[in-house]
Amino acid sequence: MLVPQDDAGRKDEAFEVPAGHRRVWDFTRDGVLRSVEDSLTRMGVDRIDVLYLHDAEEHFEDALRDGCPALAELRAQGTVGAIGAGMYARRPVRSTGRSSTKGGTMPGQVTAVSRHATYSFSKPNHDAVTLLAGLGVEGDVHAGRTIRHQFRMTYEPEAPNLRQVHLMHEELFDELALKGYDVSAGGLGENVTTRGVDLLGLPTGALLHLGEEAVVEVTGLRNPCSKINDYREGLLGEMFTLDPVTGAFTFKCGVMAVVRRSGTVRPQDTVRVELPALPHRPLERI
């Protein structure tokens, strides 16, 4: 943020700073909020499209403890749009997005909720869905204690249902739109659509706190099937990427979870991640 300073003492070789001011790094909640308020006043606007914590690795603990929650608070208020952290090192950036001193994360957001009472590829959006502990989404065909996958039920009907809730990141739709595919929430059959949460990077057993009450435990990655091509021709090929060096595949069509605590989930609800104890196990297809 910028703070007043005598012109004679001013020195800033990296940025153009108004005369009589100097830059200081303050990643406390009050510091972030005051910096944004001052910036809005200077620019004569009432909203900022993109807001980053700059060089946060040099004040990492403060940024993680206070700065990131302050950004999420501003986003929830509508004062800013996208939020993030600009750093030179990749590891701190990923930690900023996933961790906190309470084992949680900078909150993401639910953007849509969907369910369908009968088997169909896509699921219609609703104003709210109710998650039932040990079962899934109330009124959804995939809810149940034992497996509800239409094909797998034919040969392992008593297997536990590890796919009670399907979550998908809305950022995937942005990526697909650039390639000419029109995909919206519920189109790929997910129950909960999110933004601002690295779903694919979560470890097995991570807890997602959805809104005020509901909690789901992430069990694995969705295994993409050929029905995706029936929905949009050629789309299946966009649901995974191949690392040319390691030969490893990254599957991108969301994660599966089981419901640990019941609750109602609505669009605009926050999503908070609670990581399991170390060592973490990467997600596998289920």
C-alpha atoms as a PDB file:
ATOM      1  CA  MET A   1       0.000   0.000   0.000  1.00  0.00           C
ATOM      2  CA  LEU A   2       1.058   3.641  -0.275  1.00  0.00           C
ATOM      3  CA  VAL A   3       1.749   5.676   2.852  1.00  0.00           C
ATOM      4  CA  PRO A   4       2.665   9.377   3.142  1.00  0.00           C
ATOM      5  CA  GLN A   5       6.339  10.314   3.201  1.00  0.00           C
ATOM      6  CA  ASP A   6       8.388  13.483   2.940  1.00  0.00           C
ATOM      7  CA  ASP A   7       9.400  14.103  -0.697  1.00  0.00           C
ATOM      8  CA  ALA A   8      13.022  14.373   0.327  1.00  0.00           C
ATOM      9  CA  GLY A   9      13.075  10.816   1.601  1.00  0.00           C
ATOM     10  CA  ARG A  10      11.262   9.269  -1.343  1.00  0.00           C
ATOM     11  CA  LYS A  11      13.050   6.525  -3.285  1.00  0.00           C
ATOM     12  CA  ASP A  12      11.377   3.845  -5.397  1.00  0.00           C
ATOM     13  CA  GLU A  13      13.259   2.533  -8.393  1.00  0.00           C
ATOM     14  CA  ALA A  14      10.795  -0.243  -9.285  1.00  0.00           C
ATOM     15  CA  PHE A  15       7.457   1.576  -9.561  1.00  0.00           C
ATOM     16  CA  GLU A  16       6.040   4.973 -10.351  1.00  0.00           C
ATOM     17  CA  VAL A  17       4.940   6.183  -6.911  1.00  0.00           C
ATOM     18  CA  PRO A  18       3.146   9.507  -6.348  1.00  0.00           C
ATOM     19  CA  ALA A  19       5.311  12.215  -4.831  1.00  0.00           C
ATOM     20  CA  GLY A  20       5.108  12.289  -1.072  1.00  0.00           C
ATOM     21  CA  HIS A  21       4.352   8.554  -0.770  1.00  0.00           C
ATOM     22  CA  ARG A  22       6.213   5.261  -0.468  1.00  0.00           C
ATOM     23  CA  ARG A  23       5.250   1.610  -0.817  1.00  0.00           C
ATOM     24  CA  VAL A  24       4.976  -0.672   2.197  1.00  0.00           C
ATOM     25  CA  TRP A  25       4.035  -4.351   2.418  1.00  0.00           C
ATOM     26  CA  ASP A  26       1.184  -4.951   4.841  1.00  0.00           C
ATOM     27  CA  PHE A  27      -0.604  -8.310   4.503  1.00  0.00           C
ATOM     28  CA  THR A  28      -2.785  -7.929   7.590  1.00  0.00           C
ATOM     29  CA  ARG A  29      -6.541  -7.787   7.072  1.00  0.00           C
ATOM     30  CA  ASP A  30      -6.644  -4.084   7.930  1.00  0.00           C
ATOM     31  CA  GLY A  31      -3.702  -3.416   5.630  1.00  0.00           C
ATOM     32  CA  VAL A  32      -5.298  -5.172   2.662  1.00  0.00           C
ATOM     33  CA  LEU A  33      -8.684  -3.515   3.185  1.00  0.00           C
ATOM     34  CA  ARG A  34      -7.126  -0.071   3.588  1.00  0.00           C
ATOM     35  CA  SER A  35      -4.965  -0.548   0.487  1.00  0.00           C
ATOM     36  CA  VAL A  36      -8.007  -1.475  -1.601  1.00  0.00           C
ATOM     37  CA  GLU A  37     -10.074   1.409  -0.220  1.00  0.00           C
ATOM     38  CA  ASP A  38      -7.280   3.880  -1.025  1.00  0.00           C
ATOM     39  CA  SER A  39      -6.867   2.420  -4.533  1.00  0.00           C
ATOM     40  CA  LEU A  40     -10.583   2.715  -5.271  1.00  0.00           C
ATOM     41  CA  THR A  41     -10.486   6.349  -4.196  1.00  0.00           C
ATOM     42  CA  ARG A  42      -7.407   7.163  -6.295  1.00  0.00           C
ATOM     43  CA  MET A  43      -8.844   5.474  -9.414  1.00  0.00           C
ATOM     44  CA  GLY A  44     -12.357   6.835  -8.939  1.00  0.00           C
ATOM     45  CA  VAL A  45     -14.007   3.429  -9.301  1.00  0.00           C
ATOM     46  CA  ASP A  46     -16.130   1.255  -7.022  1.00  0.00           C
ATOM     47  CA  ARG A  47     -14.827  -2.176  -8.064  1.00  0.00           C
ATOM     48  CA  ILE A  48     -11.557  -3.887  -8.983  1.00  0.00           C
ATOM     49  CA  ASP A  49     -11.639  -6.671 -11.584  1.00  0.00           C
ATOM     50  CA  VAL A  50      -8.475  -8.547 -10.507  1.00  0.00           C
ATOM     51  CA  LEU A  51      -6.659  -8.225  -7.184  1.00  0.00           C
ATOM     52  CA  TYR A  52      -3.340  -9.912  -6.347  1.00  0.00           C
ATOM     53  CA  LEU A  53      -1.145 -10.116  -3.290  1.00  0.00           C
ATOM     54  CA  HIS A  54       2.194  -9.000  -4.751  1.00  0.00           C
ATOM     55  CA  ASP A  55       5.504 -10.679  -3.766  1.00  0.00           C
ATOM     56  CA  ALA A  56       3.703 -12.545  -1.015  1.00  0.00           C
ATOM     57  CA  GLU A  57       6.504 -15.105  -0.610  1.00  0.00           C
ATOM     58  CA  GLU A  58       8.518 -12.497   1.291  1.00  0.00           C
ATOM     59  CA  HIS A  59       5.738 -12.226   3.887  1.00  0.00           C
ATOM     60  CA  PHE A  60       4.328 -15.700   3.429  1.00  0.00           C
ATOM     61  CA  GLU A  61       2.918 -16.438   6.896  1.00  0.00           C
ATOM     62  CA  ASP A  62       1.155 -13.068   7.108  1.00  0.00           C
ATOM     63  CA  ALA A  63      -0.244 -13.482   3.603  1.00  0.00           C
ATOM     64  CA  LEU A  64      -1.474 -16.991   4.370  1.00  0.00           C
ATOM     65  CA  ARG A  65      -2.990 -16.139   7.741  1.00  0.00           C
ATOM     66  CA  ASP A  66      -4.505 -12.711   7.066  1.00  0.00           C
ATOM     67  CA  GLY A  67      -4.055 -11.561   3.469  1.00  0.00           C
ATOM     68  CA  CYS A  68      -5.796 -14.418   1.644  1.00  0.00           C
ATOM     69  CA  PRO A  69      -8.924 -14.398   3.845  1.00  0.00           C
ATOM     70  CA  ALA A  70      -9.100 -10.614   3.347  1.00  0.00           C
ATOM     71  CA  LEU A  71      -9.099 -11.113  -0.444  1.00  0.00           C
ATOM     72  CA  ALA A  72     -11.855 -13.715  -0.140  1.00  0.00           C
ATOM     73  CA  GLU A  73     -13.859 -11.315   2.025  1.00  0.00           C
ATOM     74  CA  LEU A  74     -13.566  -8.570  -0.597  1.00  0.00           C
ATOM     75  CA  ARG A  75     -14.612 -10.969  -3.339  1.00  0.00           C
ATOM     76  CA  ALA A  76     -17.642 -12.106  -1.338  1.00  0.00           C
ATOM     77  CA  GLN A  77     -18.645  -8.454  -0.932  1.00  0.00           C
ATOM     78  CA  GLY A  78     -18.393  -7.881  -4.677  1.00  0.00           C
ATOM     79  CA  THR A  79     -15.655  -5.261  -4.260  1.00  0.00           C
ATOM     80  CA  VAL A  80     -13.257  -7.350  -6.377  1.00  0.00           C
ATOM     81  CA  GLY A  81     -13.712 -10.001  -9.037  1.00  0.00           C
ATOM     82  CA  ALA A  82     -10.856 -12.477  -9.420  1.00  0.00           C
ATOM     83  CA  ILE A  83      -8.257 -12.834  -6.665  1.00  0.00           C
ATOM     84  CA  GLY A  84      -4.849 -14.453  -6.469  1.00  0.00           C
ATOM     85  CA  ALA A  85      -1.222 -14.153  -5.430  1.00  0.00           C
ATOM     86  CA  GLY A  86       1.767 -13.223  -7.550  1.00  0.00           C
ATOM     87  CA  MET A  87       4.999 -14.952  -6.539  1.00  0.00           C
ATOM     88  CA  TYR A  88       8.191 -16.240  -8.093  1.00  0.00           C
ATOM     89  CA  ALA A  89       8.001 -19.671  -6.475  1.00  0.00           C
ATOM     90  CA  ARG A  90       5.292 -22.160  -7.462  1.00  0.00           C
ATOM     91  CA  ARG A  91       5.063 -23.990  -4.119  1.00  0.00           C
ATOM     92  CA  PRO A  92       4.033 -20.944  -2.051  1.00  0.00           C
ATOM     93  CA  VAL A  93       1.421 -20.032  -4.654  1.00  0.00           C
ATOM     94  CA  ARG A  94      -0.176 -23.474  -4.424  1.00  0.00           C
ATOM     95  CA  SER A  95      -0.059 -23.341  -0.626  1.00  0.00           C
ATOM     96  CA  THR A  96      -1.699 -19.928  -0.616  1.00  0.00           C
ATOM     97  CA  GLY A  97      -4.558 -21.338  -2.629  1.00  0.00           C
ATOM     98  CA  ARG A  98      -5.044 -24.439  -0.476  1.00  0.00           C
ATOM     99  CA  SER A  99      -3.881 -23.916   3.082  1.00  0.00           C
ATOM    100  CA  SER A 100      -4.376 -21.860   6.200  1.00  0.00           C
ATOM    101  CA  THR A 101      -3.260 -22.036   9.802  1.00  0.00           C
ATOM    102  CA  LYS A 102      -6.530 -23.863  10.522  1.00  0.00           C
ATOM    103  CA  GLY A 103      -5.980 -26.486   7.844  1.00  0.00           C
ATOM    104  CA  GLY A 104      -8.466 -24.814   5.489  1.00  0.00           C
ATOM    105  CA  THR A 105      -8.227 -22.673   2.389  1.00  0.00           C
ATOM    106  CA  MET A 106      -9.010 -19.316   0.881  1.00  0.00           C
ATOM    107  CA  PRO A 107     -12.725 -19.891   0.235  1.00  0.00           C
ATOM    108  CA  GLY A 108     -13.973 -20.699  -3.236  1.00  0.00           C
ATOM    109  CA  GLN A 109     -17.588 -20.472  -4.257  1.00  0.00           C
ATOM    110  CA  VAL A 110     -20.486 -22.650  -5.355  1.00  0.00           C
ATOM    111  CA  THR A 111     -21.764 -21.321  -8.679  1.00  0.00           C
ATOM    112  CA  ALA A 112     -24.544 -23.851  -9.375  1.00  0.00           C
ATOM    113  CA  VAL A 113     -26.224 -26.931  -7.904  1.00  0.00           C
ATOM    114  CA  SER A 114     -27.954 -29.655  -9.927  1.00  0.00           C
ATOM    115  CA  ARG A 115     -29.832 -32.933  -9.474  1.00  0.00           C
ATOM    116  CA  HIS A 116     -32.004 -35.316 -11.451  1.00  0.00           C
ATOM    117  CA  ALA A 117     -34.319 -38.036 -10.181  1.00  0.00           C
ATOM    118  CA  THR A 118     -33.757 -40.343 -13.154  1.00  0.00           C
ATOM    119  CA  TYR A 119     -30.725 -41.456 -15.140  1.00  0.00           C
ATOM    120  CA  SER A 120     -29.697 -38.877 -17.713  1.00  0.00           C
ATOM    121  CA  PHE A 121     -26.347 -37.470 -18.760  1.00  0.00           C
ATOM    122  CA  SER A 122     -27.050 -33.842 -17.818  1.00  0.00           C
ATOM    123  CA  LYS A 123     -28.735 -32.587 -14.650  1.00  0.00           C
ATOM    124  CA  PRO A 124     -30.950 -29.481 -14.399  1.00  0.00           C
ATOM    125  CA  ASN A 125     -29.927 -26.620 -12.115  1.00  0.00           C
ATOM    126  CA  HIS A 126     -31.878 -25.863  -8.933  1.00  0.00           C
ATOM    127  CA  ASP A 127     -32.041 -23.003  -6.449  1.00  0.00           C
ATOM    128  CA  ALA A 128     -30.731 -25.358  -3.745  1.00  0.00           C
ATOM    129  CA  VAL A 129     -29.952 -29.013  -3.080  1.00  0.00           C
ATOM    130  CA  THR A 130     -29.968 -30.910   0.206  1.00  0.00           C
ATOM    131  CA  LEU A 131     -27.037 -33.194   0.987  1.00  0.00           C
ATOM    132  CA  LEU A 132     -27.793 -36.185   3.220  1.00  0.00           C
ATOM    133  CA  ALA A 133     -24.994 -37.749   5.259  1.00  0.00           C
ATOM    134  CA  GLY A 134     -23.994 -41.157   3.946  1.00  0.00           C
ATOM    135  CA  LEU A 135     -26.356 -40.924   0.975  1.00  0.00           C
ATOM    136  CA  GLY A 136     -25.771 -38.003  -1.375  1.00  0.00           C
ATOM    137  CA  VAL A 137     -28.020 -35.380  -2.923  1.00  0.00           C
ATOM    138  CA  GLU A 138     -31.644 -35.747  -1.871  1.00  0.00           C
ATOM    139  CA  GLY A 139     -33.808 -36.579  -4.882  1.00  0.00           C
ATOM    140  CA  ASP A 140     -30.819 -37.392  -7.115  1.00  0.00           C
ATOM    141  CA  VAL A 141     -30.586 -40.731  -8.895  1.00  0.00           C
ATOM    142  CA  HIS A 142     -26.988 -41.263  -7.742  1.00  0.00           C
ATOM    143  CA  ALA A 143     -27.800 -40.954  -4.031  1.00  0.00           C
ATOM    144  CA  GLY A 144     -27.489 -44.128  -1.966  1.00  0.00           C
ATOM    145  CA  ARG A 145     -25.214 -46.064   0.382  1.00  0.00           C
ATOM    146  CA  THR A 146     -24.338 -48.630  -2.285  1.00  0.00           C
ATOM    147  CA  ILE A 147     -23.159 -47.918  -5.801  1.00  0.00           C
ATOM    148  CA  ARG A 148     -25.619 -46.159  -8.097  1.00  0.00           C
ATOM    149  CA  HIS A 149     -23.516 -46.064 -11.265  1.00  0.00           C
ATOM    150  CA  GLN A 150     -25.875 -47.444 -13.894  1.00  0.00           C
ATOM    151  CA  PHE A 151     -23.376 -49.914 -15.399  1.00  0.00           C
ATOM    152  CA  ARG A 152     -21.419 -50.917 -12.318  1.00  0.00           C
ATOM    153  CA  MET A 153     -24.614 -51.791 -10.480  1.00  0.00           C
ATOM    154  CA  THR A 154     -24.977 -54.751 -12.825  1.00  0.00           C
ATOM    155  CA  TYR A 155     -21.857 -56.542 -11.566  1.00  0.00           C
ATOM    156  CA  GLU A 156     -21.090 -55.088  -8.083  1.00  0.00           C
ATOM    157  CA  PRO A 157     -24.463 -53.963  -6.671  1.00  0.00           C
ATOM    158  CA  GLU A 158     -23.315 -54.095  -3.036  1.00  0.00           C
ATOM    159  CA  ALA A 159     -20.165 -51.986  -3.472  1.00  0.00           C
ATOM    160  CA  PRO A 160     -20.081 -48.826  -1.351  1.00  0.00           C
ATOM    161  CA  ASN A 161     -21.125 -45.676  -3.149  1.00  0.00           C
ATOM    162  CA  LEU A 162     -18.038 -43.477  -3.350  1.00  0.00           C
ATOM    163  CA  ARG A 163     -19.686 -41.282  -6.001  1.00  0.00           C
ATOM    164  CA  GLN A 164     -22.559 -39.793  -3.993  1.00  0.00           C
ATOM    165  CA  VAL A 165     -21.765 -36.219  -5.071  1.00  0.00           C
ATOM    166  CA  HIS A 166     -20.038 -35.100  -8.264  1.00  0.00           C
ATOM    167  CA  LEU A 167     -18.259 -31.719  -8.132  1.00  0.00           C
ATOM    168  CA  MET A 168     -16.809 -29.886 -11.101  1.00  0.00           C
ATOM    169  CA  HIS A 169     -14.791 -26.687 -11.447  1.00  0.00           C
ATOM    170  CA  GLU A 170     -16.418 -23.994 -13.571  1.00  0.00           C
ATOM    171  CA  GLU A 171     -12.989 -22.966 -14.869  1.00  0.00           C
ATOM    172  CA  LEU A 172     -13.133 -26.079 -17.076  1.00  0.00           C
ATOM    173  CA  PHE A 173     -16.093 -24.560 -18.952  1.00  0.00           C
ATOM    174  CA  ASP A 174     -14.029 -21.424 -19.625  1.00  0.00           C
ATOM    175  CA  GLU A 175     -11.248 -23.588 -21.035  1.00  0.00           C
ATOM    176  CA  LEU A 176     -13.656 -25.567 -23.212  1.00  0.00           C
ATOM    177  CA  ALA A 177     -15.312 -22.398 -24.520  1.00  0.00           C
ATOM    178  CA  LEU A 178     -11.971 -21.290 -25.955  1.00  0.00           C
ATOM    179  CA  LYS A 179     -11.962 -24.523 -27.949  1.00  0.00           C
ATOM    180  CA  GLY A 180     -15.486 -23.996 -29.261  1.00  0.00           C
ATOM    181  CA  TYR A 181     -17.464 -26.156 -26.814  1.00  0.00           C
ATOM    182  CA  ASP A 182     -20.568 -24.719 -25.170  1.00  0.00           C
ATOM    183  CA  VAL A 183     -20.758 -26.406 -21.748  1.00  0.00           C
ATOM    184  CA  SER A 184     -22.619 -25.004 -18.751  1.00  0.00           C
ATOM    185  CA  ALA A 185     -23.293 -26.044 -15.164  1.00  0.00           C
ATOM    186  CA  GLY A 186     -24.967 -29.433 -14.886  1.00  0.00           C
ATOM    187  CA  GLY A 187     -24.299 -30.243 -18.536  1.00  0.00           C
ATOM    188  CA  LEU A 188     -21.692 -32.869 -17.681  1.00  0.00           C
ATOM    189  CA  GLY A 189     -23.849 -34.320 -14.919  1.00  0.00           C
ATOM    190  CA  GLU A 190     -22.244 -32.761 -11.860  1.00  0.00           C
ATOM    191  CA  ASN A 191     -24.194 -31.921  -8.706  1.00  0.00           C
ATOM    192  CA  VAL A 192     -22.081 -29.008  -7.464  1.00  0.00           C
ATOM    193  CA  THR A 193     -20.257 -26.550  -9.716  1.00  0.00           C
ATOM    194  CA  THR A 194     -17.491 -24.486  -8.108  1.00  0.00           C
ATOM    195  CA  ARG A 195     -15.132 -21.631  -8.895  1.00  0.00           C
ATOM    196  CA  GLY A 196     -11.866 -20.787  -7.181  1.00  0.00           C
ATOM    197  CA  VAL A 197     -11.146 -24.285  -5.829  1.00  0.00           C
ATOM    198  CA  ASP A 198      -8.372 -26.518  -7.201  1.00  0.00           C
ATOM    199  CA  LEU A 199     -10.540 -29.634  -7.115  1.00  0.00           C
ATOM    200  CA  LEU A 200      -8.199 -31.770  -9.216  1.00  0.00           C
ATOM    201  CA  GLY A 201      -5.230 -30.924  -6.978  1.00  0.00           C
ATOM    202  CA  LEU A 202      -6.890 -32.051  -3.758  1.00  0.00           C
ATOM    203  CA  PRO A 203      -5.649 -35.159  -1.944  1.00  0.00           C
ATOM    204  CA  THR A 204      -7.858 -38.134  -1.214  1.00  0.00           C
ATOM    205  CA  GLY A 205      -9.844 -37.527   1.968  1.00  0.00           C
ATOM    206  CA  ALA A 206      -9.940 -33.738   1.710  1.00  0.00           C
ATOM    207  CA  LEU A 207     -13.085 -32.258   3.242  1.00  0.00           C
ATOM    208  CA  LEU A 208     -15.091 -29.608   1.420  1.00  0.00           C
ATOM    209  CA  HIS A 209     -17.264 -27.395   3.602  1.00  0.00           C
ATOM    210  CA  LEU A 210     -20.132 -26.267   1.384  1.00  0.00           C
ATOM    211  CA  GLY A 211     -22.046 -23.328   2.800  1.00  0.00           C
ATOM    212  CA  GLU A 212     -22.803 -23.239   6.509  1.00  0.00           C
ATOM    213  CA  GLU A 213     -23.511 -26.912   7.204  1.00  0.00           C
ATOM    214  CA  ALA A 214     -22.781 -29.489   4.523  1.00  0.00           C
ATOM    215  CA  VAL A 215     -19.439 -31.316   4.416  1.00  0.00           C
ATOM    216  CA  VAL A 216     -18.316 -33.815   1.767  1.00  0.00           C
ATOM    217  CA  GLU A 217     -15.185 -35.957   1.651  1.00  0.00           C
ATOM    218  CA  VAL A 218     -13.391 -36.220  -1.686  1.00  0.00           C
ATOM    219  CA  THR A 219     -12.942 -39.860  -2.722  1.00  0.00           C
ATOM    220  CA  GLY A 220     -11.485 -39.707  -6.236  1.00  0.00           C
ATOM    221  CA  LEU A 221     -11.570 -38.407  -9.794  1.00  0.00           C
ATOM    222  CA  ARG A 222     -14.468 -38.888 -12.148  1.00  0.00           C
ATOM    223  CA  ASN A 223     -13.648 -41.520 -14.735  1.00  0.00           C
ATOM    224  CA  PRO A 224     -14.698 -40.009 -18.105  1.00  0.00           C
ATOM    225  CA  CYS A 225     -16.794 -42.227 -20.372  1.00  0.00           C
ATOM    226  CA  SER A 226     -17.849 -42.257 -24.009  1.00  0.00           C
ATOM    227  CA  LYS A 227     -21.222 -40.653 -23.194  1.00  0.00           C
ATOM    228  CA  ILE A 228     -19.353 -37.340 -23.052  1.00  0.00           C
ATOM    229  CA  ASN A 229     -19.008 -37.554 -26.847  1.00  0.00           C
ATOM    230  CA  ASP A 230     -22.755 -38.132 -27.141  1.00  0.00           C
ATOM    231  CA  TYR A 231     -23.278 -34.845 -25.277  1.00  0.00           C
ATOM    232  CA  ARG A 232     -20.771 -32.891 -27.410  1.00  0.00           C
ATOM    233  CA  GLU A 233     -18.947 -34.581 -30.285  1.00  0.00           C
ATOM    234  CA  GLY A 234     -15.206 -34.779 -29.636  1.00  0.00           C
ATOM    235  CA  LEU A 235     -15.504 -33.491 -26.054  1.00  0.00           C
ATOM    236  CA  LEU A 236     -14.138 -36.672 -24.463  1.00  0.00           C
ATOM    237  CA  GLY A 237     -10.706 -35.882 -25.849  1.00  0.00           C
ATOM    238  CA  GLU A 238     -10.686 -32.625 -23.880  1.00  0.00           C
ATOM    239  CA  MET A 239     -11.344 -34.393 -20.577  1.00  0.00           C
ATOM    240  CA  PHE A 240      -7.740 -35.472 -20.087  1.00  0.00           C
ATOM    241  CA  THR A 241      -4.247 -34.329 -20.952  1.00  0.00           C
ATOM    242  CA  LEU A 242      -1.073 -36.363 -21.421  1.00  0.00           C
ATOM    243  CA  ASP A 243       2.254 -35.235 -20.015  1.00  0.00           C
ATOM    244  CA  PRO A 244       4.726 -35.914 -22.867  1.00  0.00           C
ATOM    245  CA  VAL A 245       7.633 -36.271 -20.427  1.00  0.00           C
ATOM    246  CA  THR A 246       6.181 -38.544 -17.746  1.00  0.00           C
ATOM    247  CA  GLY A 247       3.434 -40.162 -19.786  1.00  0.00           C
ATOM    248  CA  ALA A 248       0.970 -39.456 -16.969  1.00  0.00           C
ATOM    249  CA  PHE A 249      -2.635 -38.519 -17.668  1.00  0.00           C
ATOM    250  CA  THR A 250      -4.495 -35.704 -15.945  1.00  0.00           C
ATOM    251  CA  PHE A 251      -8.243 -36.279 -15.838  1.00  0.00           C
ATOM    252  CA  LYS A 252     -10.169 -33.015 -15.762  1.00  0.00           C
ATOM    253  CA  CYS A 253     -13.880 -33.797 -15.418  1.00  0.00           C
ATOM    254  CA  GLY A 254     -14.253 -33.203 -11.708  1.00  0.00           C
ATOM    255  CA  VAL A 255     -14.108 -35.159  -8.479  1.00  0.00           C
ATOM    256  CA  MET A 256     -16.378 -37.518  -6.573  1.00  0.00           C
ATOM    257  CA  ALA A 257     -17.264 -37.292  -2.905  1.00  0.00           C
ATOM    258  CA  VAL A 258     -19.363 -38.781  -0.118  1.00  0.00           C
ATOM    259  CA  VAL A 259     -21.475 -36.715   2.255  1.00  0.00           C
ATOM    260  CA  ARG A 260     -20.107 -36.542   5.806  1.00  0.00           C
ATOM    261  CA  ARG A 261     -22.486 -33.904   7.191  1.00  0.00           C
ATOM    262  CA  SER A 262     -25.949 -33.028   5.942  1.00  0.00           C
ATOM    263  CA  GLY A 263     -26.902 -29.542   4.851  1.00  0.00           C
ATOM    264  CA  THR A 264     -28.409 -27.370   2.159  1.00  0.00           C
ATOM    265  CA  VAL A 265     -26.147 -26.008  -0.575  1.00  0.00           C
ATOM    266  CA  ARG A 266     -26.975 -23.024  -2.774  1.00  0.00           C
ATOM    267  CA  PRO A 267     -25.239 -20.980  -5.468  1.00  0.00           C
ATOM    268  CA  GLN A 268     -22.995 -18.288  -3.940  1.00  0.00           C
ATOM    269  CA  ASP A 269     -22.234 -20.468  -0.907  1.00  0.00           C
ATOM    270  CA  THR A 270     -18.571 -20.541   0.073  1.00  0.00           C
ATOM    271  CA  VAL A 271     -16.399 -23.625  -0.381  1.00  0.00           C
ATOM    272  CA  ARG A 272     -13.715 -24.168   2.227  1.00  0.00           C
ATOM    273  CA  VAL A 273     -11.129 -26.940   1.966  1.00  0.00           C
ATOM    274  CA  GLU A 274      -9.902 -28.877   4.999  1.00  0.00           C
ATOM    275  CA  LEU A 275      -6.869 -30.987   4.161  1.00  0.00           C
ATOM    276  CA  PRO A 276      -6.281 -34.406   5.758  1.00  0.00           C
ATOM    277  CA  ALA A 277      -3.238 -35.268   7.830  1.00  0.00           C
ATOM    278  CA  LEU A 278       0.031 -35.928   6.030  1.00  0.00           C
ATOM    279  CA  PRO A 279       1.116 -37.842   4.045  1.00  0.00           C
ATOM    280  CA  HIS A 280      -1.394 -36.982   1.328  1.00  0.00           C
ATOM    281  CA  ARG A 281      -2.561 -39.495  -1.271  1.00  0.00           C
ATOM    282  CA  PRO A 282      -3.249 -38.179  -4.765  1.00  0.00           C
ATOM    283  CA  LEU A 283      -6.690 -38.707  -6.242  1.00  0.00           C
ATOM    284  CA  GLU A 284      -7.282 -41.728  -8.446  1.00  0.00           C
ATOM    285  CA  ARG A 285     -10.134 -42.469 -10.846  1.00  0.00           C
ATOM    286  CA  ILE A 286     -13.107 -44.220  -9.271  1.00  0.00           C
END
